[in-house]
Amino acid sequence: GYFTPYPTYVSPSLWLADFLIASTLEAAFVAQNVSSAA
């Protein structure tokens, strides 16, 4: 409900922005749960 990646990328900076947001959220989720398969 908070984060949705771009459907297409017109520049590497937009691609990197989604990579940054997704990596941050995934790491936080896994840190608070038993595993990535929670």
Full PDB file with SEQRES, HELIX, SHEET, SSBOND, CRYST1, ORIGX, SCALE, CONECT and MASTER records, all heavy atoms in Angstrom:
SEQRES   1 A   38  GLY TYR PHE THR PRO TYR PRO THR TYR VAL SER PRO SER          
SEQRES   2 A   38  LEU TRP LEU ALA ASP PHE LEU ILE ALA SER THR LEU GLU          
SEQRES   3 A   38  ALA ALA PHE VAL ALA GLN ASN VAL SER SER ALA ALA              
HELIX    1 AA1 PRO A   12  GLN A   32  1                                  21    
CRYST1    1.000    1.000    1.000  90.00  90.00  90.00 P 1           1          
ORIGX1      1.000000  0.000000  0.000000        0.00000                         
ORIGX2      0.000000  1.000000  0.000000        0.00000                         
ORIGX3      0.000000  0.000000  1.000000        0.00000                         
SCALE1      1.000000  0.000000  0.000000        0.00000                         
SCALE2      0.000000  1.000000  0.000000        0.00000                         
SCALE3      0.000000  0.000000  1.000000        0.00000                         
ATOM      1  N   GLY A   1       0.799  -1.214   0.000  1.00  0.00           N  
ATOM      2  CA  GLY A   1       0.000   0.000   0.000  1.00  0.00           C  
ATOM      3  C   GLY A   1       0.825   1.254   0.000  1.00  0.00           C  
ATOM      4  O   GLY A   1       0.289   2.362  -0.127  1.00  0.00           O  
ATOM      5  N   TYR A   2       2.142   1.108   0.147  1.00  0.00           N  
ATOM      6  CA  TYR A   2       3.020   2.271   0.264  1.00  0.00           C  
ATOM      7  C   TYR A   2       3.961   2.420  -0.921  1.00  0.00           C  
ATOM      8  O   TYR A   2       4.154   3.525  -1.424  1.00  0.00           O  
ATOM      9  CB  TYR A   2       3.829   2.148   1.551  1.00  0.00           C  
ATOM     10  CG  TYR A   2       4.664   3.356   1.894  1.00  0.00           C  
ATOM     11  CD1 TYR A   2       4.062   4.569   2.217  1.00  0.00           C  
ATOM     12  CD2 TYR A   2       6.056   3.288   1.919  1.00  0.00           C  
ATOM     13  CE1 TYR A   2       4.822   5.683   2.547  1.00  0.00           C  
ATOM     14  CE2 TYR A   2       6.823   4.394   2.257  1.00  0.00           C  
ATOM     15  CZ  TYR A   2       6.193   5.584   2.568  1.00  0.00           C  
ATOM     16  OH  TYR A   2       6.947   6.686   2.898  1.00  0.00           O  
ATOM     17  N   PHE A   3       4.550   1.303  -1.359  1.00  0.00           N  
ATOM     18  CA  PHE A   3       5.572   1.362  -2.404  1.00  0.00           C  
ATOM     19  C   PHE A   3       5.180   0.529  -3.610  1.00  0.00           C  
ATOM     20  O   PHE A   3       4.842  -0.640  -3.493  1.00  0.00           O  
ATOM     21  CB  PHE A   3       6.914   0.859  -1.861  1.00  0.00           C  
ATOM     22  CG  PHE A   3       7.933   0.555  -2.926  1.00  0.00           C  
ATOM     23  CD1 PHE A   3       8.470   1.583  -3.689  1.00  0.00           C  
ATOM     24  CD2 PHE A   3       8.336  -0.749  -3.174  1.00  0.00           C  
ATOM     25  CE1 PHE A   3       9.401   1.314  -4.677  1.00  0.00           C  
ATOM     26  CE2 PHE A   3       9.267  -1.037  -4.151  1.00  0.00           C  
ATOM     27  CZ  PHE A   3       9.804   0.012  -4.909  1.00  0.00           C  
ATOM     28  N   THR A   4       5.247   1.154  -4.781  1.00  0.00           N  
ATOM     29  CA  THR A   4       5.036   0.471  -6.054  1.00  0.00           C  
ATOM     30  C   THR A   4       6.128   0.925  -7.004  1.00  0.00           C  
ATOM     31  O   THR A   4       6.332   2.137  -7.176  1.00  0.00           O  
ATOM     32  CB  THR A   4       3.668   0.808  -6.663  1.00  0.00           C  
ATOM     33  OG1 THR A   4       2.640   0.456  -5.725  1.00  0.00           O  
ATOM     34  CG2 THR A   4       3.454   0.043  -7.963  1.00  0.00           C  
ATOM     35  N   PRO A   5       6.871   0.005  -7.626  1.00  0.00           N  
ATOM     36  CA  PRO A   5       7.943   0.416  -8.537  1.00  0.00           C  
ATOM     37  C   PRO A   5       7.393   1.038  -9.812  1.00  0.00           C  
ATOM     38  O   PRO A   5       6.233   0.847 -10.174  1.00  0.00           O  
ATOM     39  CB  PRO A   5       8.682  -0.891  -8.832  1.00  0.00           C  
ATOM     40  CG  PRO A   5       7.655  -1.956  -8.605  1.00  0.00           C  
ATOM     41  CD  PRO A   5       6.779  -1.456  -7.492  1.00  0.00           C  
ATOM     42  N   TYR A   6       8.241   1.793 -10.490  1.00  0.00           N  
ATOM     43  CA  TYR A   6       7.862   2.365 -11.779  1.00  0.00           C  
ATOM     44  C   TYR A   6       7.601   1.243 -12.790  1.00  0.00           C  
ATOM     45  O   TYR A   6       8.287   0.220 -12.779  1.00  0.00           O  
ATOM     46  CB  TYR A   6       8.981   3.245 -12.324  1.00  0.00           C  
ATOM     47  CG  TYR A   6       9.229   4.518 -11.556  1.00  0.00           C  
ATOM     48  CD1 TYR A   6      10.327   4.622 -10.694  1.00  0.00           C  
ATOM     49  CD2 TYR A   6       8.405   5.619 -11.701  1.00  0.00           C  
ATOM     50  CE1 TYR A   6      10.580   5.793  -9.995  1.00  0.00           C  
ATOM     51  CE2 TYR A   6       8.652   6.801 -11.009  1.00  0.00           C  
ATOM     52  CZ  TYR A   6       9.740   6.878 -10.159  1.00  0.00           C  
ATOM     53  OH  TYR A   6       9.992   8.043  -9.459  1.00  0.00           O  
ATOM     54  N   PRO A   7       6.625   1.417 -13.684  1.00  0.00           N  
ATOM     55  CA  PRO A   7       6.412   0.395 -14.724  1.00  0.00           C  
ATOM     56  C   PRO A   7       7.543   0.381 -15.749  1.00  0.00           C  
ATOM     57  O   PRO A   7       7.875  -0.668 -16.309  1.00  0.00           O  
ATOM     58  CB  PRO A   7       5.077   0.806 -15.357  1.00  0.00           C  
ATOM     59  CG  PRO A   7       4.948   2.268 -15.055  1.00  0.00           C  
ATOM     60  CD  PRO A   7       5.620   2.487 -13.733  1.00  0.00           C  
ATOM     61  N   THR A   8       8.120   1.551 -16.038  1.00  0.00           N  
ATOM     62  CA  THR A   8       9.270   1.661 -16.943  1.00  0.00           C  
ATOM     63  C   THR A   8      10.249   2.671 -16.359  1.00  0.00           C  
ATOM     64  O   THR A   8       9.882   3.494 -15.507  1.00  0.00           O  
ATOM     65  CB  THR A   8       8.857   2.118 -18.350  1.00  0.00           C  
ATOM     66  OG1 THR A   8       8.225   3.412 -18.255  1.00  0.00           O  
ATOM     67  CG2 THR A   8       7.901   1.130 -18.991  1.00  0.00           C  
ATOM     68  N   TYR A   9      11.479   2.617 -16.839  1.00  0.00           N  
ATOM     69  CA  TYR A   9      12.526   3.505 -16.323  1.00  0.00           C  
ATOM     70  C   TYR A   9      13.145   4.297 -17.479  1.00  0.00           C  
ATOM     71  O   TYR A   9      13.602   3.711 -18.465  1.00  0.00           O  
ATOM     72  CB  TYR A   9      13.601   2.698 -15.602  1.00  0.00           C  
ATOM     73  CG  TYR A   9      13.058   2.014 -14.366  1.00  0.00           C  
ATOM     74  CD1 TYR A   9      12.587   0.702 -14.417  1.00  0.00           C  
ATOM     75  CD2 TYR A   9      12.965   2.701 -13.156  1.00  0.00           C  
ATOM     76  CE1 TYR A   9      12.064   0.090 -13.290  1.00  0.00           C  
ATOM     77  CE2 TYR A   9      12.438   2.097 -12.023  1.00  0.00           C  
ATOM     78  CZ  TYR A   9      11.986   0.797 -12.097  1.00  0.00           C  
ATOM     79  OH  TYR A   9      11.455   0.197 -10.989  1.00  0.00           O  
ATOM     80  N   VAL A  10      13.150   5.602 -17.318  1.00  0.00           N  
ATOM     81  CA  VAL A  10      13.732   6.466 -18.344  1.00  0.00           C  
ATOM     82  C   VAL A  10      15.162   6.870 -17.985  1.00  0.00           C  
ATOM     83  O   VAL A  10      15.839   7.493 -18.797  1.00  0.00           O  
ATOM     84  CB  VAL A  10      12.873   7.738 -18.554  1.00  0.00           C  
ATOM     85  CG1 VAL A  10      11.478   7.375 -19.051  1.00  0.00           C  
ATOM     86  CG2 VAL A  10      12.792   8.563 -17.267  1.00  0.00           C  
ATOM     87  N   SER A  11      15.611   6.531 -16.770  1.00  0.00           N  
ATOM     88  CA  SER A  11      16.972   6.882 -16.373  1.00  0.00           C  
ATOM     89  C   SER A  11      17.461   5.920 -15.299  1.00  0.00           C  
ATOM     90  O   SER A  11      16.657   5.337 -14.556  1.00  0.00           O  
ATOM     91  CB  SER A  11      17.027   8.315 -15.834  1.00  0.00           C  
ATOM     92  OG  SER A  11      16.369   8.392 -14.579  1.00  0.00           O  
ATOM     93  N   PRO A  12      18.780   5.742 -15.198  1.00  0.00           N  
ATOM     94  CA  PRO A  12      19.325   4.899 -14.131  1.00  0.00           C  
ATOM     95  C   PRO A  12      18.996   5.415 -12.735  1.00  0.00           C  
ATOM     96  O   PRO A  12      18.852   4.619 -11.804  1.00  0.00           O  
ATOM     97  CB  PRO A  12      20.834   4.943 -14.390  1.00  0.00           C  
ATOM     98  CG  PRO A  12      20.973   5.281 -15.835  1.00  0.00           C  
ATOM     99  CD  PRO A  12      19.828   6.207 -16.121  1.00  0.00           C  
ATOM    100  N   SER A  13      18.875   6.735 -12.556  1.00  0.00           N  
ATOM    101  CA  SER A  13      18.598   7.269 -11.221  1.00  0.00           C  
ATOM    102  C   SER A  13      17.238   6.810 -10.718  1.00  0.00           C  
ATOM    103  O   SER A  13      17.062   6.543  -9.524  1.00  0.00           O  
ATOM    104  CB  SER A  13      18.677   8.797 -11.226  1.00  0.00           C  
ATOM    105  OG  SER A  13      17.728   9.362 -12.104  1.00  0.00           O  
ATOM    106  N   LEU A  14      16.239   6.702 -11.607  1.00  0.00           N  
ATOM    107  CA  LEU A  14      14.926   6.200 -11.192  1.00  0.00           C  
ATOM    108  C   LEU A  14      15.005   4.715 -10.854  1.00  0.00           C  
ATOM    109  O   LEU A  14      14.372   4.250  -9.901  1.00  0.00           O  
ATOM    110  CB  LEU A  14      13.895   6.446 -12.285  1.00  0.00           C  
ATOM    111  CG  LEU A  14      13.579   7.920 -12.593  1.00  0.00           C  
ATOM    112  CD1 LEU A  14      12.584   8.017 -13.749  1.00  0.00           C  
ATOM    113  CD2 LEU A  14      13.023   8.623 -11.365  1.00  0.00           C  
ATOM    114  N   TRP A  15      15.760   3.963 -11.637  1.00  0.00           N  
ATOM    115  CA  TRP A  15      15.968   2.537 -11.357  1.00  0.00           C  
ATOM    116  C   TRP A  15      16.646   2.373  -9.997  1.00  0.00           C  
ATOM    117  O   TRP A  15      16.248   1.540  -9.172  1.00  0.00           O  
ATOM    118  CB  TRP A  15      16.825   1.930 -12.458  1.00  0.00           C  
ATOM    119  CG  TRP A  15      16.987   0.440 -12.431  1.00  0.00           C  
ATOM    120  CD1 TRP A  15      16.268  -0.490 -13.122  1.00  0.00           C  
ATOM    121  CD2 TRP A  15      17.967  -0.317 -11.671  1.00  0.00           C  
ATOM    122  NE1 TRP A  15      16.723  -1.758 -12.845  1.00  0.00           N  
ATOM    123  CE2 TRP A  15      17.760  -1.682 -11.967  1.00  0.00           C  
ATOM    124  CE3 TRP A  15      18.976   0.042 -10.779  1.00  0.00           C  
ATOM    125  CZ2 TRP A  15      18.534  -2.693 -11.396  1.00  0.00           C  
ATOM    126  CZ3 TRP A  15      19.758  -0.963 -10.210  1.00  0.00           C  
ATOM    127  CH2 TRP A  15      19.533  -2.309 -10.523  1.00  0.00           C  
ATOM    128  N   LEU A  16      17.669   3.183  -9.738  1.00  0.00           N  
ATOM    129  CA  LEU A  16      18.385   3.107  -8.474  1.00  0.00           C  
ATOM    130  C   LEU A  16      17.504   3.544  -7.300  1.00  0.00           C  
ATOM    131  O   LEU A  16      17.625   3.010  -6.194  1.00  0.00           O  
ATOM    132  CB  LEU A  16      19.644   3.981  -8.526  1.00  0.00           C  
ATOM    133  CG  LEU A  16      20.806   3.419  -9.352  1.00  0.00           C  
ATOM    134  CD1 LEU A  16      21.854   4.506  -9.584  1.00  0.00           C  
ATOM    135  CD2 LEU A  16      21.436   2.221  -8.654  1.00  0.00           C  
ATOM    136  N   ALA A  17      16.613   4.512  -7.534  1.00  0.00           N  
ATOM    137  CA  ALA A  17      15.705   4.949  -6.473  1.00  0.00           C  
ATOM    138  C   ALA A  17      14.800   3.806  -6.037  1.00  0.00           C  
ATOM    139  O   ALA A  17      14.606   3.566  -4.840  1.00  0.00           O  
ATOM    140  CB  ALA A  17      14.876   6.141  -6.941  1.00  0.00           C  
ATOM    141  N   ASP A  18      14.235   3.066  -6.991  1.00  0.00           N  
ATOM    142  CA  ASP A  18      13.399   1.919  -6.639  1.00  0.00           C  
ATOM    143  C   ASP A  18      14.214   0.816  -5.992  1.00  0.00           C  
ATOM    144  O   ASP A  18      13.743   0.139  -5.056  1.00  0.00           O  
ATOM    145  CB  ASP A  18      12.686   1.385  -7.889  1.00  0.00           C  
ATOM    146  CG  ASP A  18      11.362   2.092  -8.149  1.00  0.00           C  
ATOM    147  OD1 ASP A  18      10.954   2.912  -7.308  1.00  0.00           O  
ATOM    148  OD2 ASP A  18      10.739   1.814  -9.189  1.00  0.00           O  
ATOM    149  N   PHE A  19      15.441   0.600  -6.466  1.00  0.00           N  
ATOM    150  CA  PHE A  19      16.317  -0.393  -5.845  1.00  0.00           C  
ATOM    151  C   PHE A  19      16.584  -0.027  -4.391  1.00  0.00           C  
ATOM    152  O   PHE A  19      16.545  -0.879  -3.498  1.00  0.00           O  
ATOM    153  CB  PHE A  19      17.633  -0.479  -6.622  1.00  0.00           C  
ATOM    154  CG  PHE A  19      18.632  -1.444  -6.035  1.00  0.00           C  
ATOM    155  CD1 PHE A  19      18.612  -2.784  -6.382  1.00  0.00           C  
ATOM    156  CD2 PHE A  19      19.605  -1.012  -5.133  1.00  0.00           C  
ATOM    157  CE1 PHE A  19      19.522  -3.692  -5.837  1.00  0.00           C  
ATOM    158  CE2 PHE A  19      20.518  -1.895  -4.582  1.00  0.00           C  
ATOM    159  CZ  PHE A  19      20.479  -3.232  -4.942  1.00  0.00           C  
ATOM    160  N   LEU A  20      16.836   1.255  -4.137  1.00  0.00           N  
ATOM    161  CA  LEU A  20      17.105   1.737  -2.785  1.00  0.00           C  
ATOM    162  C   LEU A  20      15.901   1.540  -1.876  1.00  0.00           C  
ATOM    163  O   LEU A  20      16.028   1.002  -0.766  1.00  0.00           O  
ATOM    164  CB  LEU A  20      17.487   3.220  -2.836  1.00  0.00           C  
ATOM    165  CG  LEU A  20      17.513   3.973  -1.505  1.00  0.00           C  
ATOM    166  CD1 LEU A  20      18.620   3.435  -0.609  1.00  0.00           C  
ATOM    167  CD2 LEU A  20      17.688   5.472  -1.754  1.00  0.00           C  
ATOM    168  N   ILE A  21      14.727   1.958  -2.319  1.00  0.00           N  
ATOM    169  CA  ILE A  21      13.524   1.848  -1.491  1.00  0.00           C  
ATOM    170  C   ILE A  21      13.215   0.385  -1.204  1.00  0.00           C  
ATOM    171  O   ILE A  21      12.953  -0.005  -0.059  1.00  0.00           O  
ATOM    172  CB  ILE A  21      12.329   2.528  -2.180  1.00  0.00           C  
ATOM    173  CG1 ILE A  21      12.594   4.030  -2.352  1.00  0.00           C  
ATOM    174  CG2 ILE A  21      11.055   2.332  -1.360  1.00  0.00           C  
ATOM    175  CD1 ILE A  21      11.589   4.721  -3.267  1.00  0.00           C  
ATOM    176  N   ALA A  22      13.258  -0.443  -2.249  1.00  0.00           N  
ATOM    177  CA  ALA A  22      12.915  -1.862  -2.085  1.00  0.00           C  
ATOM    178  C   ALA A  22      13.903  -2.569  -1.164  1.00  0.00           C  
ATOM    179  O   ALA A  22      13.506  -3.349  -0.283  1.00  0.00           O  
ATOM    180  CB  ALA A  22      12.882  -2.538  -3.448  1.00  0.00           C  
ATOM    181  N   SER A  23      15.194  -2.315  -1.343  1.00  0.00           N  
ATOM    182  CA  SER A  23      16.205  -2.962  -0.500  1.00  0.00           C  
ATOM    183  C   SER A  23      16.032  -2.567   0.958  1.00  0.00           C  
ATOM    184  O   SER A  23      16.181  -3.392   1.868  1.00  0.00           O  
ATOM    185  CB  SER A  23      17.612  -2.583  -0.982  1.00  0.00           C  
ATOM    186  OG  SER A  23      17.842  -3.035  -2.294  1.00  0.00           O  
ATOM    187  N   THR A  24      15.694  -1.301   1.190  1.00  0.00           N  
ATOM    188  CA  THR A  24      15.491  -0.806   2.551  1.00  0.00           C  
ATOM    189  C   THR A  24      14.295  -1.479   3.206  1.00  0.00           C  
ATOM    190  O   THR A  24      14.371  -1.941   4.350  1.00  0.00           O  
ATOM    191  CB  THR A  24      15.286   0.717   2.527  1.00  0.00           C  
ATOM    192  OG1 THR A  24      16.456   1.343   1.984  1.00  0.00           O  
ATOM    193  CG2 THR A  24      15.014   1.260   3.930  1.00  0.00           C  
ATOM    194  N   LEU A  25      13.184  -1.560   2.491  1.00  0.00           N  
ATOM    195  CA  LEU A  25      11.973  -2.154   3.043  1.00  0.00           C  
ATOM    196  C   LEU A  25      12.143  -3.655   3.263  1.00  0.00           C  
ATOM    197  O   LEU A  25      11.707  -4.197   4.290  1.00  0.00           O  
ATOM    198  CB  LEU A  25      10.784  -1.885   2.124  1.00  0.00           C  
ATOM    199  CG  LEU A  25      10.391  -0.406   1.951  1.00  0.00           C  
ATOM    200  CD1 LEU A  25       9.235  -0.279   0.967  1.00  0.00           C  
ATOM    201  CD2 LEU A  25      10.031   0.223   3.292  1.00  0.00           C  
ATOM    202  N   GLU A  26      12.774  -4.340   2.314  1.00  0.00           N  
ATOM    203  CA  GLU A  26      12.953  -5.787   2.465  1.00  0.00           C  
ATOM    204  C   GLU A  26      13.845  -6.114   3.661  1.00  0.00           C  
ATOM    205  O   GLU A  26      13.543  -7.007   4.453  1.00  0.00           O  
ATOM    206  CB  GLU A  26      13.559  -6.387   1.198  1.00  0.00           C  
ATOM    207  CG  GLU A  26      13.738  -7.897   1.297  1.00  0.00           C  
ATOM    208  CD  GLU A  26      14.229  -8.522   0.008  1.00  0.00           C  
ATOM    209  OE1 GLU A  26      14.788  -7.796  -0.835  1.00  0.00           O  
ATOM    210  OE2 GLU A  26      14.047  -9.743  -0.157  1.00  0.00           O  
ATOM    211  N   ALA A  27      14.955  -5.383   3.810  1.00  0.00           N  
ATOM    212  CA  ALA A  27      15.857  -5.641   4.927  1.00  0.00           C  
ATOM    213  C   ALA A  27      15.152  -5.399   6.258  1.00  0.00           C  
ATOM    214  O   ALA A  27      15.320  -6.166   7.214  1.00  0.00           O  
ATOM    215  CB  ALA A  27      17.094  -4.758   4.818  1.00  0.00           C  
ATOM    216  N   ALA A  28      14.343  -4.338   6.337  1.00  0.00           N  
ATOM    217  CA  ALA A  28      13.621  -4.045   7.570  1.00  0.00           C  
ATOM    218  C   ALA A  28      12.587  -5.127   7.868  1.00  0.00           C  
ATOM    219  O   ALA A  28      12.414  -5.544   9.018  1.00  0.00           O  
ATOM    220  CB  ALA A  28      12.938  -2.681   7.462  1.00  0.00           C  
ATOM    221  N   PHE A  29      11.900  -5.610   6.834  1.00  0.00           N  
ATOM    222  CA  PHE A  29      10.892  -6.649   7.017  1.00  0.00           C  
ATOM    223  C   PHE A  29      11.523  -7.932   7.543  1.00  0.00           C  
ATOM    224  O   PHE A  29      11.043  -8.533   8.507  1.00  0.00           O  
ATOM    225  CB  PHE A  29      10.180  -6.916   5.689  1.00  0.00           C  
ATOM    226  CG  PHE A  29       9.146  -8.014   5.760  1.00  0.00           C  
ATOM    227  CD1 PHE A  29       7.842  -7.734   6.121  1.00  0.00           C  
ATOM    228  CD2 PHE A  29       9.474  -9.327   5.459  1.00  0.00           C  
ATOM    229  CE1 PHE A  29       6.885  -8.732   6.190  1.00  0.00           C  
ATOM    230  CE2 PHE A  29       8.525 -10.343   5.528  1.00  0.00           C  
ATOM    231  CZ  PHE A  29       7.223 -10.037   5.886  1.00  0.00           C  
ATOM    232  N   VAL A  30      12.629  -8.350   6.920  1.00  0.00           N  
ATOM    233  CA  VAL A  30      13.272  -9.591   7.321  1.00  0.00           C  
ATOM    234  C   VAL A  30      13.845  -9.469   8.731  1.00  0.00           C  
ATOM    235  O   VAL A  30      13.793 -10.410   9.521  1.00  0.00           O  
ATOM    236  CB  VAL A  30      14.370  -9.980   6.320  1.00  0.00           C  
ATOM    237  CG1 VAL A  30      15.148 -11.195   6.806  1.00  0.00           C  
ATOM    238  CG2 VAL A  30      13.751 -10.275   4.950  1.00  0.00           C  
ATOM    239  N   ALA A  31      14.389  -8.279   9.072  1.00  0.00           N  
ATOM    240  CA  ALA A  31      14.967  -8.078  10.402  1.00  0.00           C  
ATOM    241  C   ALA A  31      13.923  -8.237  11.497  1.00  0.00           C  
ATOM    242  O   ALA A  31      14.236  -8.642  12.614  1.00  0.00           O  
ATOM    243  CB  ALA A  31      15.609  -6.697  10.491  1.00  0.00           C  
ATOM    244  N   GLN A  32      12.666  -7.932  11.186  1.00  0.00           N  
ATOM    245  CA  GLN A  32      11.610  -7.991  12.189  1.00  0.00           C  
ATOM    246  C   GLN A  32      10.851  -9.313  12.158  1.00  0.00           C  
ATOM    247  O   GLN A  32       9.964  -9.530  12.978  1.00  0.00           O  
ATOM    248  CB  GLN A  32      10.632  -6.833  11.977  1.00  0.00           C  
ATOM    249  CG  GLN A  32      11.270  -5.468  12.185  1.00  0.00           C  
ATOM    250  CD  GLN A  32      10.345  -4.335  11.816  1.00  0.00           C  
ATOM    251  OE1 GLN A  32       9.146  -4.404  12.018  1.00  0.00           O  
ATOM    252  NE2 GLN A  32      10.906  -3.276  11.262  1.00  0.00           N  
ATOM    253  N   ASN A  33      11.171 -10.188  11.213  1.00  0.00           N  
ATOM    254  CA  ASN A  33      10.497 -11.474  11.108  1.00  0.00           C  
ATOM    255  C   ASN A  33      11.515 -12.594  11.172  1.00  0.00           C  
ATOM    256  O   ASN A  33      12.726 -12.376  11.091  1.00  0.00           O  
ATOM    257  CB  ASN A  33       9.694 -11.552   9.799  1.00  0.00           C  
ATOM    258  CG  ASN A  33       8.509 -10.612   9.802  1.00  0.00           C  
ATOM    259  OD1 ASN A  33       7.438 -10.952  10.271  1.00  0.00           O  
ATOM    260  ND2 ASN A  33       8.701  -9.400   9.283  1.00  0.00           N  
ATOM    261  N   VAL A  34      11.041 -13.796  11.301  1.00  0.00           N  
ATOM    262  CA  VAL A  34      11.939 -14.940  11.437  1.00  0.00           C  
ATOM    263  C   VAL A  34      12.787 -15.121  10.191  1.00  0.00           C  
ATOM    264  O   VAL A  34      13.970 -15.400  10.261  1.00  0.00           O  
ATOM    265  CB  VAL A  34      11.127 -16.221  11.719  1.00  0.00           C  
ATOM    266  CG1 VAL A  34      12.043 -17.429  11.740  1.00  0.00           C  
ATOM    267  CG2 VAL A  34      10.394 -16.090  13.047  1.00  0.00           C  
ATOM    268  N   SER A  35      12.199 -14.961   9.019  1.00  0.00           N  
ATOM    269  CA  SER A  35      12.924 -15.146   7.775  1.00  0.00           C  
ATOM    270  C   SER A  35      12.192 -14.442   6.656  1.00  0.00           C  
ATOM    271  O   SER A  35      11.113 -13.896   6.840  1.00  0.00           O  
ATOM    272  CB  SER A  35      13.043 -16.643   7.430  1.00  0.00           C  
ATOM    273  OG  SER A  35      11.771 -17.151   7.058  1.00  0.00           O  
ATOM    274  N   SER A  36      12.799 -14.457   5.472  1.00  0.00           N  
ATOM    275  CA  SER A  36      12.162 -13.833   4.318  1.00  0.00           C  
ATOM    276  C   SER A  36      10.938 -14.622   3.871  1.00  0.00           C  
ATOM    277  O   SER A  36      10.184 -14.175   3.018  1.00  0.00           O  
ATOM    278  CB  SER A  36      13.159 -13.725   3.153  1.00  0.00           C  
ATOM    279  OG  SER A  36      13.654 -15.010   2.814  1.00  0.00           O  
ATOM    280  N   ALA A  37      10.735 -15.821   4.423  1.00  0.00           N  
ATOM    281  CA  ALA A  37       9.578 -16.643   4.080  1.00  0.00           C  
ATOM    282  C   ALA A  37       8.459 -16.501   5.095  1.00  0.00           C  
ATOM    283  O   ALA A  37       7.576 -17.336   5.185  1.00  0.00           O  
ATOM    284  CB  ALA A  37       9.993 -18.108   3.967  1.00  0.00           C  
ATOM    285  N   ALA A  38       8.504 -15.441   5.904  1.00  0.00           N  
ATOM    286  CA  ALA A  38       7.445 -15.219   6.896  1.00  0.00           C  
ATOM    287  C   ALA A  38       6.097 -15.066   6.204  1.00  0.00           C  
ATOM    288  O   ALA A  38       6.030 -14.660   5.052  1.00  0.00           O  
ATOM    289  CB  ALA A  38       7.754 -13.973   7.717  1.00  0.00           C  
TER     290      ALA A  38                                                      
MASTER        0    0    0    1    0    0    0    6  289    1    0    3          
END                                                                             
